[in-house]
Amino acid sequence: MAAGPDDERMKQLEARIGAARKGREPDKPHQEEHYSKAQMGWRMVTELVAGLGIGFGIGYGMDALFGTIPLFLVLFTLLGFAAGVRVMMRTAREVQAGRPAAAQEDTPDAGK
């Protein structure tokens, strides 16, 4: 099938549409930075609460299994809190460095 004038017109139309779309896209939304910082804040809160919840659940389960209430409950809740704070601190370093989480986890000093 030979390329006719319609194919050439379609290519020109696609190029014009692409140029028009580029011209209409905003560079950066006005409140994008605000929302990203709010999202980071919620992420940090969620990490802390998740650490506490997981520690509480493991501790309560072990206490129920062994009948030692509240020994493991207290121990694992404190360990969950420590893990949540550690993850929060890693996120805070990530925000200060301006790097995404995936890029920072690949570095050798990410766990420090």
PDB file of N, CA and C in Angstrom:
ATOM      1  N   MET A   1       0.846  -1.169   0.000  1.00  0.00           N
ATOM      2  CA  MET A   1       0.000   0.000   0.000  1.00  0.00           C
ATOM      3  C   MET A   1       0.898   1.241   0.000  1.00  0.00           C
ATOM      4  N   ALA A   2       0.679   2.111  -0.913  1.00  0.00           N
ATOM      5  CA  ALA A   2       1.497   3.312  -1.049  1.00  0.00           C
ATOM      6  C   ALA A   2       1.013   4.382  -0.080  1.00  0.00           C
ATOM      7  N   ALA A   3       1.980   5.148   0.421  1.00  0.00           N
ATOM      8  CA  ALA A   3       1.649   6.252   1.324  1.00  0.00           C
ATOM      9  C   ALA A   3       1.091   7.392   0.500  1.00  0.00           C
ATOM     10  N   GLY A   4      -0.126   7.779   0.793  1.00  0.00           N
ATOM     11  CA  GLY A   4      -0.773   8.829   0.017  1.00  0.00           C
ATOM     12  C   GLY A   4      -0.763  10.143   0.759  1.00  0.00           C
ATOM     13  N   PRO A   5      -1.455  11.118   0.222  1.00  0.00           N
ATOM     14  CA  PRO A   5      -1.509  12.440   0.856  1.00  0.00           C
ATOM     15  C   PRO A   5      -2.197  12.393   2.213  1.00  0.00           C
ATOM     16  N   ASP A   6      -3.090  11.406   2.424  1.00  0.00           N
ATOM     17  CA  ASP A   6      -3.768  11.302   3.719  1.00  0.00           C
ATOM     18  C   ASP A   6      -2.794  10.945   4.842  1.00  0.00           C
ATOM     19  N   ASP A   7      -1.836  10.079   4.541  1.00  0.00           N
ATOM     20  CA  ASP A   7      -0.846   9.709   5.559  1.00  0.00           C
ATOM     21  C   ASP A   7       0.003  10.914   5.962  1.00  0.00           C
ATOM     22  N   GLU A   8       0.384  11.687   4.983  1.00  0.00           N
ATOM     23  CA  GLU A   8       1.190  12.878   5.270  1.00  0.00           C
ATOM     24  C   GLU A   8       0.391  13.897   6.075  1.00  0.00           C
ATOM     25  N   ARG A   9      -0.870  14.065   5.736  1.00  0.00           N
ATOM     26  CA  ARG A   9      -1.726  14.993   6.485  1.00  0.00           C
ATOM     27  C   ARG A   9      -1.927  14.517   7.922  1.00  0.00           C
ATOM     28  N   MET A  10      -2.041  13.193   8.117  1.00  0.00           N
ATOM     29  CA  MET A  10      -2.208  12.648   9.474  1.00  0.00           C
ATOM     30  C   MET A  10      -0.961  12.917  10.319  1.00  0.00           C
ATOM     31  N   LYS A  11       0.215  12.753   9.725  1.00  0.00           N
ATOM     32  CA  LYS A  11       1.458  13.019  10.451  1.00  0.00           C
ATOM     33  C   LYS A  11       1.557  14.495  10.839  1.00  0.00           C
ATOM     34  N   GLN A  12       1.178  15.365   9.909  1.00  0.00           N
ATOM     35  CA  GLN A  12       1.205  16.798  10.216  1.00  0.00           C
ATOM     36  C   GLN A  12       0.210  17.145  11.321  1.00  0.00           C
ATOM     37  N   LEU A  13      -0.969  16.531  11.256  1.00  0.00           N
ATOM     38  CA  LEU A  13      -1.983  16.774  12.285  1.00  0.00           C
ATOM     39  C   LEU A  13      -1.508  16.292  13.649  1.00  0.00           C
ATOM     40  N   GLU A  14      -0.897  15.105  13.707  1.00  0.00           N
ATOM     41  CA  GLU A  14      -0.371  14.593  14.973  1.00  0.00           C
ATOM     42  C   GLU A  14       0.714  15.506  15.533  1.00  0.00           C
ATOM     43  N   ALA A  15       1.563  16.031  14.670  1.00  0.00           N
ATOM     44  CA  ALA A  15       2.608  16.943  15.117  1.00  0.00           C
ATOM     45  C   ALA A  15       2.005  18.227  15.671  1.00  0.00           C
ATOM     46  N   ARG A  16       0.988  18.751  15.027  1.00  0.00           N
ATOM     47  CA  ARG A  16       0.334  19.979  15.506  1.00  0.00           C
ATOM     48  C   ARG A  16      -0.377  19.738  16.847  1.00  0.00           C
ATOM     49  N   ILE A  17      -1.021  18.580  16.964  1.00  0.00           N
ATOM     50  CA  ILE A  17      -1.704  18.255  18.231  1.00  0.00           C
ATOM     51  C   ILE A  17      -0.687  18.119  19.356  1.00  0.00           C
ATOM     52  N   GLY A  18       0.432  17.455  19.077  1.00  0.00           N
ATOM     53  CA  GLY A  18       1.475  17.318  20.089  1.00  0.00           C
ATOM     54  C   GLY A  18       2.037  18.656  20.522  1.00  0.00           C
ATOM     55  N   ALA A  19       2.258  19.549  19.576  1.00  0.00           N
ATOM     56  CA  ALA A  19       2.776  20.879  19.901  1.00  0.00           C
ATOM     57  C   ALA A  19       1.762  21.673  20.715  1.00  0.00           C
ATOM     58  N   ALA A  20       0.478  21.536  20.366  1.00  0.00           N
ATOM     59  CA  ALA A  20      -0.563  22.257  21.113  1.00  0.00           C
ATOM     60  C   ALA A  20      -0.672  21.729  22.545  1.00  0.00           C
ATOM     61  N   ARG A  21      -0.545  20.419  22.717  1.00  0.00           N
ATOM     62  CA  ARG A  21      -0.616  19.843  24.070  1.00  0.00           C
ATOM     63  C   ARG A  21       0.558  20.311  24.927  1.00  0.00           C
ATOM     64  N   LYS A  22       1.722  20.368  24.335  1.00  0.00           N
ATOM     65  CA  LYS A  22       2.894  20.819  25.097  1.00  0.00           C
ATOM     66  C   LYS A  22       2.731  22.264  25.546  1.00  0.00           C
ATOM     67  N   GLY A  23       2.173  23.075  24.690  1.00  0.00           N
ATOM     68  CA  GLY A  23       1.986  24.487  25.014  1.00  0.00           C
ATOM     69  C   GLY A  23       0.940  24.725  26.094  1.00  0.00           C
ATOM     70  N   ARG A  24      -0.013  23.820  26.237  1.00  0.00           N
ATOM     71  CA  ARG A  24      -1.092  23.997  27.207  1.00  0.00           C
ATOM     72  C   ARG A  24      -0.765  23.416  28.577  1.00  0.00           C
ATOM     73  N   GLU A  25       0.222  22.520  28.677  1.00  0.00           N
ATOM     74  CA  GLU A  25       0.557  21.896  29.951  1.00  0.00           C
ATOM     75  C   GLU A  25       1.229  22.908  30.870  1.00  0.00           C
ATOM     76  N   PRO A  26       0.775  23.003  32.116  1.00  0.00           N
ATOM     77  CA  PRO A  26       1.453  23.901  33.061  1.00  0.00           C
ATOM     78  C   PRO A  26       2.810  23.319  33.454  1.00  0.00           C
ATOM     79  N   ASP A  27       3.749  24.207  33.769  1.00  0.00           N
ATOM     80  CA  ASP A  27       5.070  23.756  34.167  1.00  0.00           C
ATOM     81  C   ASP A  27       5.011  22.959  35.470  1.00  0.00           C
ATOM     82  N   LYS A  28       4.375  23.555  36.470  1.00  0.00           N
ATOM     83  CA  LYS A  28       4.267  22.905  37.762  1.00  0.00           C
ATOM     84  C   LYS A  28       3.011  23.436  38.444  1.00  0.00           C
ATOM     85  N   PRO A  29       2.150  22.560  38.916  1.00  0.00           N
ATOM     86  CA  PRO A  29       0.957  23.054  39.601  1.00  0.00           C
ATOM     87  C   PRO A  29       1.324  23.923  40.801  1.00  0.00           C
ATOM     88  N   HIS A  30       0.471  24.880  41.104  1.00  0.00           N
ATOM     89  CA  HIS A  30       0.720  25.865  42.149  1.00  0.00           C
ATOM     90  C   HIS A  30       0.976  25.234  43.512  1.00  0.00           C
ATOM     91  N   GLN A  31       0.183  24.246  43.894  1.00  0.00           N
ATOM     92  CA  GLN A  31       0.287  23.693  45.239  1.00  0.00           C
ATOM     93  C   GLN A  31       0.911  22.312  45.264  1.00  0.00           C
ATOM     94  N   GLU A  32       1.600  21.909  44.225  1.00  0.00           N
ATOM     95  CA  GLU A  32       2.165  20.563  44.175  1.00  0.00           C
ATOM     96  C   GLU A  32       3.160  20.335  45.312  1.00  0.00           C
ATOM     97  N   GLU A  33       4.016  21.298  45.591  1.00  0.00           N
ATOM     98  CA  GLU A  33       5.016  21.133  46.640  1.00  0.00           C
ATOM     99  C   GLU A  33       4.349  21.024  48.011  1.00  0.00           C
ATOM    100  N   HIS A  34       3.298  21.790  48.218  1.00  0.00           N
ATOM    101  CA  HIS A  34       2.578  21.738  49.486  1.00  0.00           C
ATOM    102  C   HIS A  34       2.011  20.344  49.709  1.00  0.00           C
ATOM    103  N   TYR A  35       1.390  19.791  48.690  1.00  0.00           N
ATOM    104  CA  TYR A  35       0.790  18.479  48.835  1.00  0.00           C
ATOM    105  C   TYR A  35       1.845  17.408  49.024  1.00  0.00           C
ATOM    106  N   SER A  36       2.978  17.528  48.375  1.00  0.00           N
ATOM    107  CA  SER A  36       4.003  16.505  48.540  1.00  0.00           C
ATOM    108  C   SER A  36       4.555  16.529  49.966  1.00  0.00           C
ATOM    109  N   LYS A  37       4.664  17.696  50.573  1.00  0.00           N
ATOM    110  CA  LYS A  37       5.134  17.748  51.962  1.00  0.00           C
ATOM    111  C   LYS A  37       4.082  17.198  52.909  1.00  0.00           C
ATOM    112  N   ALA A  38       2.817  17.475  52.626  1.00  0.00           N
ATOM    113  CA  ALA A  38       1.748  16.912  53.446  1.00  0.00           C
ATOM    114  C   ALA A  38       1.722  15.398  53.305  1.00  0.00           C
ATOM    115  N   GLN A  39       1.943  14.910  52.113  1.00  0.00           N
ATOM    116  CA  GLN A  39       1.975  13.466  51.904  1.00  0.00           C
ATOM    117  C   GLN A  39       3.140  12.843  52.653  1.00  0.00           C
ATOM    118  N   MET A  40       4.276  13.509  52.662  1.00  0.00           N
ATOM    119  CA  MET A  40       5.422  12.987  53.418  1.00  0.00           C
ATOM    120  C   MET A  40       5.112  12.955  54.911  1.00  0.00           C
ATOM    121  N   GLY A  41       4.432  13.991  55.404  1.00  0.00           N
ATOM    122  CA  GLY A  41       4.043  14.007  56.813  1.00  0.00           C
ATOM    123  C   GLY A  41       3.118  12.855  57.156  1.00  0.00           C
ATOM    124  N   TRP A  42       2.123  12.612  56.310  1.00  0.00           N
ATOM    125  CA  TRP A  42       1.209  11.496  56.557  1.00  0.00           C
ATOM    126  C   TRP A  42       1.932  10.167  56.441  1.00  0.00           C
ATOM    127  N   ARG A  43       2.879  10.090  55.528  1.00  0.00           N
ATOM    128  CA  ARG A  43       3.657   8.857  55.381  1.00  0.00           C
ATOM    129  C   ARG A  43       4.420   8.566  56.667  1.00  0.00           C
ATOM    130  N   MET A  44       5.011   9.609  57.250  1.00  0.00           N
ATOM    131  CA  MET A  44       5.776   9.414  58.477  1.00  0.00           C
ATOM    132  C   MET A  44       4.868   9.005  59.636  1.00  0.00           C
ATOM    133  N   VAL A  45       3.697   9.610  59.732  1.00  0.00           N
ATOM    134  CA  VAL A  45       2.747   9.241  60.788  1.00  0.00           C
ATOM    135  C   VAL A  45       2.297   7.801  60.597  1.00  0.00           C
ATOM    136  N   THR A  46       2.018   7.431  59.359  1.00  0.00           N
ATOM    137  CA  THR A  46       1.575   6.068  59.070  1.00  0.00           C
ATOM    138  C   THR A  46       2.663   5.057  59.415  1.00  0.00           C
ATOM    139  N   GLU A  47       3.912   5.385  59.134  1.00  0.00           N
ATOM    140  CA  GLU A  47       5.012   4.482  59.460  1.00  0.00           C
ATOM    141  C   GLU A  47       5.116   4.254  60.965  1.00  0.00           C
ATOM    142  N   LEU A  48       4.949   5.315  61.730  1.00  0.00           N
ATOM    143  CA  LEU A  48       5.024   5.174  63.182  1.00  0.00           C
ATOM    144  C   LEU A  48       3.857   4.343  63.715  1.00  0.00           C
ATOM    145  N   VAL A  49       2.661   4.640  63.256  1.00  0.00           N
ATOM    146  CA  VAL A  49       1.479   3.911  63.729  1.00  0.00           C
ATOM    147  C   VAL A  49       1.543   2.448  63.293  1.00  0.00           C
ATOM    148  N   ALA A  50       2.023   2.194  62.084  1.00  0.00           N
ATOM    149  CA  ALA A  50       2.147   0.812  61.615  1.00  0.00           C
ATOM    150  C   ALA A  50       3.143   0.037  62.474  1.00  0.00           C
ATOM    151  N   GLY A  51       4.263   0.651  62.813  1.00  0.00           N
ATOM    152  CA  GLY A  51       5.242  -0.013  63.683  1.00  0.00           C
ATOM    153  C   GLY A  51       4.648  -0.348  65.036  1.00  0.00           C
ATOM    154  N   LEU A  52       3.918   0.606  65.612  1.00  0.00           N
ATOM    155  CA  LEU A  52       3.271   0.355  66.897  1.00  0.00           C
ATOM    156  C   LEU A  52       2.221  -0.755  66.785  1.00  0.00           C
ATOM    157  N   GLY A  53       1.417  -0.696  65.741  1.00  0.00           N
ATOM    158  CA  GLY A  53       0.355  -1.691  65.565  1.00  0.00           C
ATOM    159  C   GLY A  53       0.893  -3.091  65.352  1.00  0.00           C
ATOM    160  N   ILE A  54       1.916  -3.207  64.525  1.00  0.00           N
ATOM    161  CA  ILE A  54       2.506  -4.524  64.278  1.00  0.00           C
ATOM    162  C   ILE A  54       3.161  -5.058  65.543  1.00  0.00           C
ATOM    163  N   GLY A  55       3.880  -4.213  66.257  1.00  0.00           N
ATOM    164  CA  GLY A  55       4.498  -4.646  67.515  1.00  0.00           C
ATOM    165  C   GLY A  55       3.455  -5.059  68.534  1.00  0.00           C
ATOM    166  N   PHE A  56       2.382  -4.285  68.639  1.00  0.00           N
ATOM    167  CA  PHE A  56       1.305  -4.617  69.566  1.00  0.00           C
ATOM    168  C   PHE A  56       0.670  -5.953  69.201  1.00  0.00           C
ATOM    169  N   GLY A  57       0.415  -6.148  67.904  1.00  0.00           N
ATOM    170  CA  GLY A  57      -0.217  -7.396  67.456  1.00  0.00           C
ATOM    171  C   GLY A  57       0.650  -8.616  67.718  1.00  0.00           C
ATOM    172  N   ILE A  58       1.930  -8.519  67.419  1.00  0.00           N
ATOM    173  CA  ILE A  58       2.839  -9.646  67.660  1.00  0.00           C
ATOM    174  C   ILE A  58       2.935  -9.924  69.158  1.00  0.00           C
ATOM    175  N   GLY A  59       3.089  -8.867  69.955  1.00  0.00           N
ATOM    176  CA  GLY A  59       3.193  -9.045  71.403  1.00  0.00           C
ATOM    177  C   GLY A  59       1.940  -9.642  72.009  1.00  0.00           C
ATOM    178  N   TYR A  60       0.777  -9.163  71.597  1.00  0.00           N
ATOM    179  CA  TYR A  60      -0.478  -9.687  72.120  1.00  0.00           C
ATOM    180  C   TYR A  60      -0.670 -11.150  71.713  1.00  0.00           C
ATOM    181  N   GLY A  61      -0.316 -11.456  70.467  1.00  0.00           N
ATOM    182  CA  GLY A  61      -0.421 -12.842  69.994  1.00  0.00           C
ATOM    183  C   GLY A  61       0.487 -13.783  70.745  1.00  0.00           C
ATOM    184  N   MET A  62       1.709 -13.350  71.003  1.00  0.00           N
ATOM    185  CA  MET A  62       2.641 -14.205  71.753  1.00  0.00           C
ATOM    186  C   MET A  62       2.199 -14.352  73.201  1.00  0.00           C
ATOM    187  N   ASP A  63       1.674 -13.283  73.788  1.00  0.00           N
ATOM    188  CA  ASP A  63       1.174 -13.374  75.162  1.00  0.00           C
ATOM    189  C   ASP A  63      -0.016 -14.322  75.239  1.00  0.00           C
ATOM    190  N   ALA A  64      -0.897 -14.254  74.261  1.00  0.00           N
ATOM    191  CA  ALA A  64      -2.048 -15.152  74.252  1.00  0.00           C
ATOM    192  C   ALA A  64      -1.599 -16.600  74.052  1.00  0.00           C
ATOM    193  N   LEU A  65      -0.578 -16.793  73.239  1.00  0.00           N
ATOM    194  CA  LEU A  65      -0.077 -18.136  72.965  1.00  0.00           C
ATOM    195  C   LEU A  65       0.617 -18.743  74.184  1.00  0.00           C
ATOM    196  N   PHE A  66       1.446 -17.942  74.850  1.00  0.00           N
ATOM    197  CA  PHE A  66       2.217 -18.444  75.985  1.00  0.00           C
ATOM    198  C   PHE A  66       1.585 -18.141  77.340  1.00  0.00           C
ATOM    199  N   GLY A  67       0.562 -17.321  77.400  1.00  0.00           N
ATOM    200  CA  GLY A  67      -0.099 -16.977  78.658  1.00  0.00           C
ATOM    201  C   GLY A  67       0.754 -16.097  79.557  1.00  0.00           C
ATOM    202  N   THR A  68       1.510 -15.190  78.981  1.00  0.00           N
ATOM    203  CA  THR A  68       2.427 -14.352  79.772  1.00  0.00           C
ATOM    204  C   THR A  68       2.027 -12.885  79.754  1.00  0.00           C
ATOM    205  N   ILE A  69       0.755 -12.581  79.640  1.00  0.00           N
ATOM    206  CA  ILE A  69       0.292 -11.191  79.522  1.00  0.00           C
ATOM    207  C   ILE A  69       0.863 -10.365  80.666  1.00  0.00           C
ATOM    208  N   PRO A  70       1.423  -9.237  80.519  1.00  0.00           N
ATOM    209  CA  PRO A  70       1.699  -8.370  79.373  1.00  0.00           C
ATOM    210  C   PRO A  70       3.163  -8.334  78.982  1.00  0.00           C
ATOM    211  N   LEU A  71       3.919  -9.368  79.265  1.00  0.00           N
ATOM    212  CA  LEU A  71       5.359  -9.357  79.022  1.00  0.00           C
ATOM    213  C   LEU A  71       5.694  -9.078  77.549  1.00  0.00           C
ATOM    214  N   PHE A  72       5.260  -9.934  76.659  1.00  0.00           N
ATOM    215  CA  PHE A  72       5.587  -9.750  75.241  1.00  0.00           C
ATOM    216  C   PHE A  72       4.861  -8.549  74.641  1.00  0.00           C
ATOM    217  N   LEU A  73       3.678  -8.240  75.165  1.00  0.00           N
ATOM    218  CA  LEU A  73       2.918  -7.085  74.675  1.00  0.00           C
ATOM    219  C   LEU A  73       3.733  -5.809  74.852  1.00  0.00           C
ATOM    220  N   VAL A  74       4.264  -5.605  76.025  1.00  0.00           N
ATOM    221  CA  VAL A  74       5.063  -4.402  76.302  1.00  0.00           C
ATOM    222  C   VAL A  74       6.353  -4.423  75.490  1.00  0.00           C
ATOM    223  N   LEU A  75       7.016  -5.566  75.469  1.00  0.00           N
ATOM    224  CA  LEU A  75       8.297  -5.683  74.770  1.00  0.00           C
ATOM    225  C   LEU A  75       8.149  -5.389  73.274  1.00  0.00           C
ATOM    226  N   PHE A  76       7.198  -6.031  72.633  1.00  0.00           N
ATOM    227  CA  PHE A  76       7.054  -5.847  71.191  1.00  0.00           C
ATOM    228  C   PHE A  76       6.429  -4.504  70.825  1.00  0.00           C
ATOM    229  N   THR A  77       5.628  -3.924  71.724  1.00  0.00           N
ATOM    230  CA  THR A  77       5.118  -2.581  71.461  1.00  0.00           C
ATOM    231  C   THR A  77       6.272  -1.578  71.467  1.00  0.00           C
ATOM    232  N   LEU A  78       7.186  -1.721  72.404  1.00  0.00           N
ATOM    233  CA  LEU A  78       8.360  -0.840  72.438  1.00  0.00           C
ATOM    234  C   LEU A  78       9.258  -1.064  71.224  1.00  0.00           C
ATOM    235  N   LEU A  79       9.435  -2.325  70.835  1.00  0.00           N
ATOM    236  CA  LEU A  79      10.237  -2.602  69.637  1.00  0.00           C
ATOM    237  C   LEU A  79       9.563  -2.045  68.379  1.00  0.00           C
ATOM    238  N   GLY A  80       8.251  -2.133  68.306  1.00  0.00           N
ATOM    239  CA  GLY A  80       7.520  -1.568  67.177  1.00  0.00           C
ATOM    240  C   GLY A  80       7.650  -0.060  67.132  1.00  0.00           C
ATOM    241  N   PHE A  81       7.600   0.575  68.299  1.00  0.00           N
ATOM    242  CA  PHE A  81       7.789   2.026  68.362  1.00  0.00           C
ATOM    243  C   PHE A  81       9.185   2.400  67.876  1.00  0.00           C
ATOM    244  N   ALA A  82      10.194   1.661  68.331  1.00  0.00           N
ATOM    245  CA  ALA A  82      11.569   1.943  67.906  1.00  0.00           C
ATOM    246  C   ALA A  82      11.723   1.752  66.396  1.00  0.00           C
ATOM    247  N   ALA A  83      11.109   0.703  65.858  1.00  0.00           N
ATOM    248  CA  ALA A  83      11.187   0.471  64.411  1.00  0.00           C
ATOM    249  C   ALA A  83      10.470   1.587  63.649  1.00  0.00           C
ATOM    250  N   GLY A  84       9.318   2.031  64.154  1.00  0.00           N
ATOM    251  CA  GLY A  84       8.593   3.113  63.507  1.00  0.00           C
ATOM    252  C   GLY A  84       9.385   4.415  63.508  1.00  0.00           C
ATOM    253  N   VAL A  85      10.039   4.721  64.624  1.00  0.00           N
ATOM    254  CA  VAL A  85      10.856   5.936  64.704  1.00  0.00           C
ATOM    255  C   VAL A  85      12.046   5.832  63.753  1.00  0.00           C
ATOM    256  N   ARG A  86      12.637   4.653  63.657  1.00  0.00           N
ATOM    257  CA  ARG A  86      13.783   4.466  62.769  1.00  0.00           C
ATOM    258  C   ARG A  86      13.378   4.701  61.303  1.00  0.00           C
ATOM    259  N   VAL A  87      12.233   4.162  60.917  1.00  0.00           N
ATOM    260  CA  VAL A  87      11.761   4.351  59.546  1.00  0.00           C
ATOM    261  C   VAL A  87      11.404   5.815  59.312  1.00  0.00           C
ATOM    262  N   MET A  88      10.816   6.475  60.316  1.00  0.00           N
ATOM    263  CA  MET A  88      10.513   7.903  60.191  1.00  0.00           C
ATOM    264  C   MET A  88      11.778   8.723  59.994  1.00  0.00           C
ATOM    265  N   MET A  89      12.813   8.398  60.725  1.00  0.00           N
ATOM    266  CA  MET A  89      14.073   9.133  60.596  1.00  0.00           C
ATOM    267  C   MET A  89      14.687   8.921  59.210  1.00  0.00           C
ATOM    268  N   ARG A  90      14.566   7.717  58.681  1.00  0.00           N
ATOM    269  CA  ARG A  90      15.071   7.461  57.336  1.00  0.00           C
ATOM    270  C   ARG A  90      14.294   8.286  56.315  1.00  0.00           C
ATOM    271  N   THR A  91      12.987   8.395  56.508  1.00  0.00           N
ATOM    272  CA  THR A  91      12.171   9.215  55.607  1.00  0.00           C
ATOM    273  C   THR A  91      12.551  10.687  55.727  1.00  0.00           C
ATOM    274  N   ALA A  92      12.829  11.150  56.947  1.00  0.00           N
ATOM    275  CA  ALA A  92      13.225  12.548  57.140  1.00  0.00           C
ATOM    276  C   ALA A  92      14.547  12.836  56.434  1.00  0.00           C
ATOM    277  N   ARG A  93      15.500  11.911  56.522  1.00  0.00           N
ATOM    278  CA  ARG A  93      16.776  12.085  55.806  1.00  0.00           C
ATOM    279  C   ARG A  93      16.537  12.110  54.299  1.00  0.00           C
ATOM    280  N   GLU A  94      15.622  11.288  53.843  1.00  0.00           N
ATOM    281  CA  GLU A  94      15.275  11.224  52.439  1.00  0.00           C
ATOM    282  C   GLU A  94      14.704  12.559  51.953  1.00  0.00           C
ATOM    283  N   VAL A  95      13.854  13.164  52.761  1.00  0.00           N
ATOM    284  CA  VAL A  95      13.251  14.446  52.407  1.00  0.00           C
ATOM    285  C   VAL A  95      14.320  15.535  52.384  1.00  0.00           C
ATOM    286  N   GLN A  96      15.209  15.519  53.362  1.00  0.00           N
ATOM    287  CA  GLN A  96      16.271  16.530  53.410  1.00  0.00           C
ATOM    288  C   GLN A  96      17.219  16.399  52.230  1.00  0.00           C
ATOM    289  N   ALA A  97      17.505  15.172  51.841  1.00  0.00           N
ATOM    290  CA  ALA A  97      18.426  14.957  50.731  1.00  0.00           C
ATOM    291  C   ALA A  97      17.743  15.210  49.392  1.00  0.00           C
ATOM    292  N   GLY A  98      16.422  15.163  49.371  1.00  0.00           N
ATOM    293  CA  GLY A  98      15.687  15.397  48.141  1.00  0.00           C
ATOM    294  C   GLY A  98      15.731  14.230  47.183  1.00  0.00           C
ATOM    295  N   ARG A  99      16.039  13.047  47.709  1.00  0.00           N
ATOM    296  CA  ARG A  99      16.089  11.866  46.862  1.00  0.00           C
ATOM    297  C   ARG A  99      14.890  10.973  47.146  1.00  0.00           C
ATOM    298  N   PRO A 100      14.411  10.230  46.139  1.00  0.00           N
ATOM    299  CA  PRO A 100      13.305   9.305  46.377  1.00  0.00           C
ATOM    300  C   PRO A 100      13.751   8.095  47.186  1.00  0.00           C
ATOM    301  N   ALA A 101      12.804   7.377  47.759  1.00  0.00           N
ATOM    302  CA  ALA A 101      13.089   6.250  48.637  1.00  0.00           C
ATOM    303  C   ALA A 101      13.845   5.143  47.909  1.00  0.00           C
ATOM    304  N   ALA A 102      13.469   4.806  46.710  1.00  0.00           N
ATOM    305  CA  ALA A 102      14.090   3.704  45.994  1.00  0.00           C
ATOM    306  C   ALA A 102      15.562   3.988  45.717  1.00  0.00           C
ATOM    307  N   ALA A 103      15.897   5.226  45.405  1.00  0.00           N
ATOM    308  CA  ALA A 103      17.286   5.568  45.108  1.00  0.00           C
ATOM    309  C   ALA A 103      18.137   5.521  46.362  1.00  0.00           C
ATOM    310  N   GLN A 104      17.562   5.870  47.508  1.00  0.00           N
ATOM    311  CA  GLN A 104      18.345   5.903  48.723  1.00  0.00           C
ATOM    312  C   GLN A 104      18.549   4.520  49.309  1.00  0.00           C
ATOM    313  N   GLU A 105      17.597   3.616  49.122  1.00  0.00           N
ATOM    314  CA  GLU A 105      17.729   2.267  49.673  1.00  0.00           C
ATOM    315  C   GLU A 105      18.816   1.472  48.969  1.00  0.00           C
ATOM    316  N   ASP A 106      19.171   1.848  47.748  1.00  0.00           N
ATOM    317  CA  ASP A 106      20.197   1.135  47.016  1.00  0.00           C
ATOM    318  C   ASP A 106      21.606   1.511  47.462  1.00  0.00           C
ATOM    319  N   THR A 107      21.751   2.607  48.192  1.00  0.00           N
ATOM    320  CA  THR A 107      23.083   3.030  48.615  1.00  0.00           C
ATOM    321  C   THR A 107      23.526   2.227  49.837  1.00  0.00           C
ATOM    322  N   PRO A 108      24.836   1.991  49.992  1.00  0.00           N
ATOM    323  CA  PRO A 108      25.330   1.188  51.112  1.00  0.00           C
ATOM    324  C   PRO A 108      25.061   1.810  52.487  1.00  0.00           C
ATOM    325  N   ASP A 109      25.014   3.139  52.582  1.00  0.00           N
ATOM    326  CA  ASP A 109      24.827   3.778  53.884  1.00  0.00           C
ATOM    327  C   ASP A 109      23.373   4.105  54.157  1.00  0.00           C
ATOM    328  N   ALA A 110      22.413   3.453  53.479  1.00  0.00           N
ATOM    329  CA  ALA A 110      20.996   3.770  53.650  1.00  0.00           C
ATOM    330  C   ALA A 110      20.492   3.367  55.028  1.00  0.00           C
ATOM    331  N   GLY A 111      21.070   2.327  55.635  1.00  0.00           N
ATOM    332  CA  GLY A 111      20.587   1.859  56.926  1.00  0.00           C
ATOM    333  C   GLY A 111      21.156   2.608  58.105  1.00  0.00           C
ATOM    334  N   LYS A 112      22.067   3.522  57.887  1.00  0.00           N
ATOM    335  CA  LYS A 112      22.710   4.238  59.001  1.00  0.00           C
ATOM    336  C   LYS A 112      21.823   5.309  59.554  1.00  0.00           C
TER     337      LYS A 112
END
